[in-house]
Amino acid sequence: MIKKSAGFLAVVAMVALAPLARADFEISVNGVNCTAVVVSAGPNGSLTCPTFSPVAGVTIQNLSVTGTQLPFGSQLLGTTLSIVNSTGADVPLTIYLAISNFASPSAPPSIRDVSGATLNSTFGTNSFTLTSCVDQSNGLVPPSATFCTNPAPGQAGPNATLTTVGAQTDSNNSTGLITALSPDFSLTQCLQIIAGANSAFNITSSEVLTPVPEPMSIALLGGVLLLTTAAIRRKQNTASRG
């Protein structure tokens, strides 16, 4: 999943070619917004909370949500530089990430939805469960809204729970096939975390939407490739006889 996300972000330079629209970026931790809702031009952009302490003894550094929309797909990427729990007890954290007003891709024919989660620990015993949502109501997340009020049919997730002990990394993906979706929609995520006593770790989450070609489109493409291959072979045979 990390490779897919890196490849997707590598084309951010092309976002100026994508349609622009109003978009809201939102982050909340344990029911509190770490910054105010930000309005930006298009779902291409990011919102970062440099340092945030939602619970005494727990510090989250550089909690970010980044959006990318291109003609061939859209993505939400959530990251943290670090989460440190300096207390002697487990601390539950619920993080919500949201980006609204995505316009592409849309179905029909269908859209592949991949939800990815990574938990990278240095100390402690930690767990992370990711639930991603393609929200057809174009909503945001608590506390300003209700999470995933109108999920797209066939969407991915929830992901299986990740657990790490000590210096360890664990990751997984969940895949779905969305059969109906139209603009505008939001990408939202719920990250349920148990920060273990005296722990240090970071997390990455992503949701990637890409269109799936129709069977007829694939057949037409295959026919074109066959015709092109046959034409090249004929030219090669003619050249060898000459």
Protein backbone atom coordinates (compact mmCIF):
# COMPACT_ATOMS: atom_id res chain seq x y z
CA MET A 1 0.00 0.00 0.00
CA ILE A 2 2.86 2.35 0.78
CA LYS A 3 4.21 1.93 -2.76
CA LYS A 4 0.78 2.65 -4.23
CA SER A 5 0.44 5.77 -2.11
CA ALA A 6 3.92 6.98 -3.04
CA GLY A 7 3.17 6.48 -6.73
CA PHE A 8 -0.08 8.33 -6.40
CA LEU A 9 1.54 11.28 -4.64
CA ALA A 10 4.28 11.44 -7.24
CA VAL A 11 1.79 12.90 -9.69
CA VAL A 12 0.59 15.69 -7.42
CA ALA A 13 2.27 18.13 -9.79
CA MET A 14 -0.54 17.37 -12.24
CA VAL A 15 -3.33 18.48 -9.93
CA ALA A 16 -3.59 21.86 -11.60
CA LEU A 17 -5.21 20.04 -14.51
CA ALA A 18 -7.99 18.63 -12.32
CA PRO A 19 -11.33 20.40 -11.86
CA LEU A 20 -11.35 22.83 -8.96
CA ALA A 21 -14.08 22.85 -6.34
CA ARG A 22 -14.62 23.98 -2.76
CA ALA A 23 -13.31 21.44 -0.24
CA ASP A 24 -13.22 21.10 3.52
CA PHE A 25 -10.37 19.36 5.34
CA GLU A 26 -11.08 18.23 8.88
CA ILE A 27 -9.25 16.44 11.70
CA SER A 28 -10.57 15.60 15.15
CA VAL A 29 -9.13 13.57 18.02
CA ASN A 30 -11.33 12.24 20.85
CA GLY A 31 -14.14 14.57 19.84
CA VAL A 32 -12.09 17.77 19.58
CA ASN A 33 -10.97 19.51 16.40
CA CYS A 34 -7.22 20.01 16.53
CA THR A 35 -7.60 22.96 14.14
CA ALA A 36 -10.53 24.80 12.62
CA VAL A 37 -12.13 23.54 9.40
CA VAL A 38 -10.11 24.80 6.44
CA VAL A 39 -11.63 25.75 3.10
CA SER A 40 -9.39 25.28 0.07
CA ALA A 41 -9.63 25.30 -3.73
CA GLY A 42 -10.25 21.70 -4.70
CA PRO A 43 -9.72 18.48 -2.73
CA ASN A 44 -6.02 18.78 -3.59
CA GLY A 45 -4.26 19.99 -0.46
CA SER A 46 -3.56 19.13 3.15
CA LEU A 47 -4.27 20.05 6.75
CA THR A 48 -1.67 19.45 9.48
CA CYS A 49 -1.82 19.67 13.26
CA PRO A 50 1.86 20.28 14.20
CA THR A 51 1.57 19.22 17.88
CA PHE A 52 -1.59 18.08 19.60
CA SER A 53 -2.18 16.65 23.08
CA PRO A 54 -5.74 15.28 23.27
CA VAL A 55 -5.11 13.48 26.58
CA ALA A 56 -2.72 14.34 29.42
CA GLY A 57 0.54 12.50 28.83
CA VAL A 58 -0.18 11.77 25.15
CA THR A 59 1.37 13.84 22.34
CA ILE A 60 0.66 13.56 18.62
CA GLN A 61 3.10 15.27 16.29
CA ASN A 62 2.32 16.29 12.70
CA LEU A 63 -1.07 14.64 12.34
CA SER A 64 -1.99 15.33 8.71
CA VAL A 65 -4.65 14.60 6.14
CA THR A 66 -3.79 15.08 2.46
CA GLY A 67 -6.10 14.92 -0.55
CA THR A 68 -5.30 14.23 -4.17
CA GLN A 69 -7.79 14.27 -7.04
CA LEU A 70 -6.82 13.49 -10.61
CA PRO A 71 -8.88 12.50 -13.67
CA PHE A 72 -7.97 8.83 -13.12
CA GLY A 73 -8.41 8.61 -9.37
CA SER A 74 -8.62 10.19 -5.93
CA GLN A 75 -6.87 9.61 -2.60
CA LEU A 76 -6.98 10.48 1.08
CA LEU A 77 -3.72 9.98 2.96
CA GLY A 78 -3.44 10.28 6.75
CA THR A 79 -0.07 10.35 8.54
CA THR A 80 1.53 11.04 11.92
CA LEU A 81 5.17 11.77 12.66
CA SER A 82 4.77 10.21 16.09
CA ILE A 83 2.33 9.31 18.85
CA VAL A 84 3.87 9.12 22.33
CA ASN A 85 2.06 7.89 25.45
CA SER A 86 4.25 8.71 28.44
CA THR A 87 1.70 7.46 30.98
CA GLY A 88 1.71 4.06 32.64
CA ALA A 89 -1.70 3.09 31.26
CA ASP A 90 -3.26 2.30 27.89
CA VAL A 91 -4.99 5.30 26.29
CA PRO A 92 -7.76 4.98 23.66
CA LEU A 93 -7.65 7.48 20.80
CA THR A 94 -10.29 8.03 18.13
CA ILE A 95 -9.07 10.09 15.19
CA TYR A 96 -11.34 11.26 12.38
CA LEU A 97 -10.04 12.53 9.03
CA ALA A 98 -12.17 14.02 6.27
CA ILE A 99 -11.92 15.67 2.88
CA SER A 100 -15.11 16.64 1.05
CA ASN A 101 -16.16 17.61 -2.48
CA PHE A 102 -14.37 14.99 -4.55
CA ALA A 103 -15.78 14.80 -8.08
CA SER A 104 -13.92 11.87 -9.63
CA PRO A 105 -13.90 9.03 -10.30
CA SER A 106 -17.61 8.30 -10.51
CA ALA A 107 -19.57 5.20 -11.49
CA PRO A 108 -20.72 3.56 -13.72
CA PRO A 109 -18.95 1.38 -14.65
CA SER A 110 -17.34 0.73 -11.22
CA ILE A 111 -14.64 2.01 -8.88
CA ARG A 112 -12.00 0.05 -7.01
CA ASP A 113 -11.72 1.22 -3.40
CA VAL A 114 -8.56 0.30 -1.46
CA SER A 115 -8.27 1.14 2.24
CA GLY A 116 -4.75 0.80 3.66
CA ALA A 117 -3.43 0.92 7.24
CA THR A 118 0.10 0.77 8.69
CA LEU A 119 1.17 0.70 12.34
CA ASN A 120 4.88 1.26 12.97
CA SER A 121 5.86 0.92 16.64
CA THR A 122 9.07 1.64 18.52
CA PHE A 123 7.94 0.94 22.09
CA GLY A 124 4.92 -0.52 23.84
CA THR A 125 2.00 -2.69 22.80
CA ASN A 126 -0.29 -0.80 20.42
CA SER A 127 -3.32 -1.49 18.23
CA PHE A 128 -4.94 0.29 15.29
CA THR A 129 -8.25 -0.34 13.51
CA LEU A 130 -9.11 1.64 10.37
CA THR A 131 -12.56 2.22 8.95
CA SER A 132 -12.63 4.13 5.65
CA CYS A 133 -15.74 5.61 4.06
CA VAL A 134 -16.74 6.99 0.67
CA ASP A 135 -19.59 9.19 1.88
CA GLN A 136 -22.20 9.91 -0.80
CA SER A 137 -23.69 12.63 1.42
CA ASN A 138 -20.38 14.55 1.08
CA GLY A 139 -20.24 14.85 4.86
CA LEU A 140 -17.43 15.52 7.29
CA VAL A 141 -16.82 13.83 10.64
CA PRO A 142 -17.51 14.23 14.39
CA PRO A 143 -17.83 16.50 16.21
CA SER A 144 -19.21 18.67 13.39
CA ALA A 145 -21.06 15.84 11.60
CA THR A 146 -21.93 12.13 11.75
CA PHE A 147 -19.37 9.69 10.39
CA CYS A 148 -20.28 7.93 7.13
CA THR A 149 -24.00 8.76 6.94
CA ASN A 150 -24.42 7.47 3.36
CA PRO A 151 -21.69 4.93 2.45
CA ALA A 152 -21.16 4.04 -1.19
CA PRO A 153 -22.33 0.49 -2.02
CA GLY A 154 -19.48 -2.01 -2.13
CA GLN A 155 -16.91 0.21 -0.43
CA ALA A 156 -13.85 -1.25 1.31
CA GLY A 157 -13.44 -2.10 4.97
CA PRO A 158 -13.33 -2.00 7.83
CA ASN A 159 -9.71 -3.17 7.93
CA ALA A 160 -8.66 -5.89 10.33
CA THR A 161 -7.11 -4.70 13.60
CA LEU A 162 -3.32 -4.27 13.61
CA THR A 163 -1.32 -5.04 16.78
CA THR A 164 2.38 -4.49 17.44
CA VAL A 165 4.63 -5.27 20.39
CA GLY A 166 7.90 -3.39 20.77
CA ALA A 167 9.80 -2.46 17.61
CA GLN A 168 7.48 -3.90 14.99
CA THR A 169 5.53 -2.89 11.88
CA ASP A 170 2.22 -4.31 10.70
CA SER A 171 0.00 -3.32 7.79
CA ASN A 172 -3.03 -4.47 5.81
CA ASN A 173 -5.39 -3.54 3.00
CA SER A 174 -9.10 -3.89 2.46
CA THR A 175 -10.55 -3.77 -1.06
CA GLY A 176 -14.06 -3.08 -2.31
CA LEU A 177 -15.80 -2.46 -5.62
CA ILE A 178 -18.15 0.53 -5.63
CA THR A 179 -21.03 0.08 -8.06
CA ALA A 180 -22.71 3.50 -7.80
CA LEU A 181 -21.19 6.88 -7.03
CA SER A 182 -21.70 10.42 -8.29
CA PRO A 183 -20.17 13.83 -7.44
CA ASP A 184 -19.76 15.34 -4.96
CA PHE A 185 -18.61 12.88 -2.31
CA SER A 186 -16.22 12.90 0.65
CA LEU A 187 -13.48 10.53 1.76
CA THR A 188 -13.54 10.04 5.54
CA GLN A 189 -11.74 7.77 7.97
CA CYS A 190 -12.11 6.64 11.57
CA LEU A 191 -8.84 5.57 13.23
CA GLN A 192 -9.40 3.70 16.49
CA ILE A 193 -6.11 3.39 18.38
CA ILE A 194 -5.01 1.96 21.71
CA ALA A 195 -1.77 3.69 22.65
CA GLY A 196 -0.07 1.28 25.02
CA ALA A 197 1.54 2.35 28.28
CA ASN A 198 4.92 4.05 27.73
CA SER A 199 4.62 3.66 23.96
CA ALA A 200 5.92 5.42 20.87
CA PHE A 201 4.63 4.71 17.37
CA ASN A 202 3.30 6.23 14.16
CA ILE A 203 0.47 5.36 11.81
CA THR A 204 -0.39 5.79 8.15
CA SER A 205 -3.81 5.43 6.58
CA SER A 206 -5.00 5.77 3.01
CA GLU A 207 -8.00 5.38 0.77
CA VAL A 208 -7.50 5.18 -2.98
CA LEU A 209 -10.26 5.23 -5.60
CA THR A 210 -9.52 4.19 -9.18
CA PRO A 211 -11.92 3.46 -12.05
CA VAL A 212 -12.27 -0.11 -13.28
CA PRO A 213 -12.66 -0.50 -17.10
CA GLU A 214 -15.83 -2.11 -18.41
CA PRO A 215 -15.46 -5.59 -19.97
CA MET A 216 -16.28 -4.13 -23.40
CA SER A 217 -13.54 -1.54 -22.98
CA ILE A 218 -11.06 -4.28 -22.13
CA ALA A 219 -12.18 -6.31 -25.16
CA LEU A 220 -11.77 -3.32 -27.47
CA LEU A 221 -8.33 -2.59 -26.07
CA GLY A 222 -7.34 -6.23 -26.57
CA GLY A 223 -8.56 -6.10 -30.17
CA VAL A 224 -6.52 -2.97 -30.87
CA LEU A 225 -3.40 -4.61 -29.40
CA LEU A 226 -3.90 -7.73 -31.52
CA LEU A 227 -4.33 -5.71 -34.71
CA THR A 228 -1.26 -3.61 -33.90
CA THR A 229 0.82 -6.72 -33.22
CA ALA A 230 -0.32 -8.35 -36.48
CA ALA A 231 0.56 -5.22 -38.46
CA ILE A 232 4.05 -5.07 -36.93
CA ARG A 233 4.66 -8.75 -37.74
CA ARG A 234 3.55 -8.25 -41.36
CA LYS A 235 6.00 -5.38 -41.75
CA GLN A 236 8.78 -7.44 -40.20
CA ASN A 237 8.05 -10.40 -42.53
CA THR A 238 7.98 -8.12 -45.58
CA ALA A 239 11.26 -6.53 -44.57
CA SER A 240 12.96 -9.94 -44.05
CA ARG A 241 11.83 -11.21 -47.46
CA GLY A 242 13.07 -8.04 -49.11
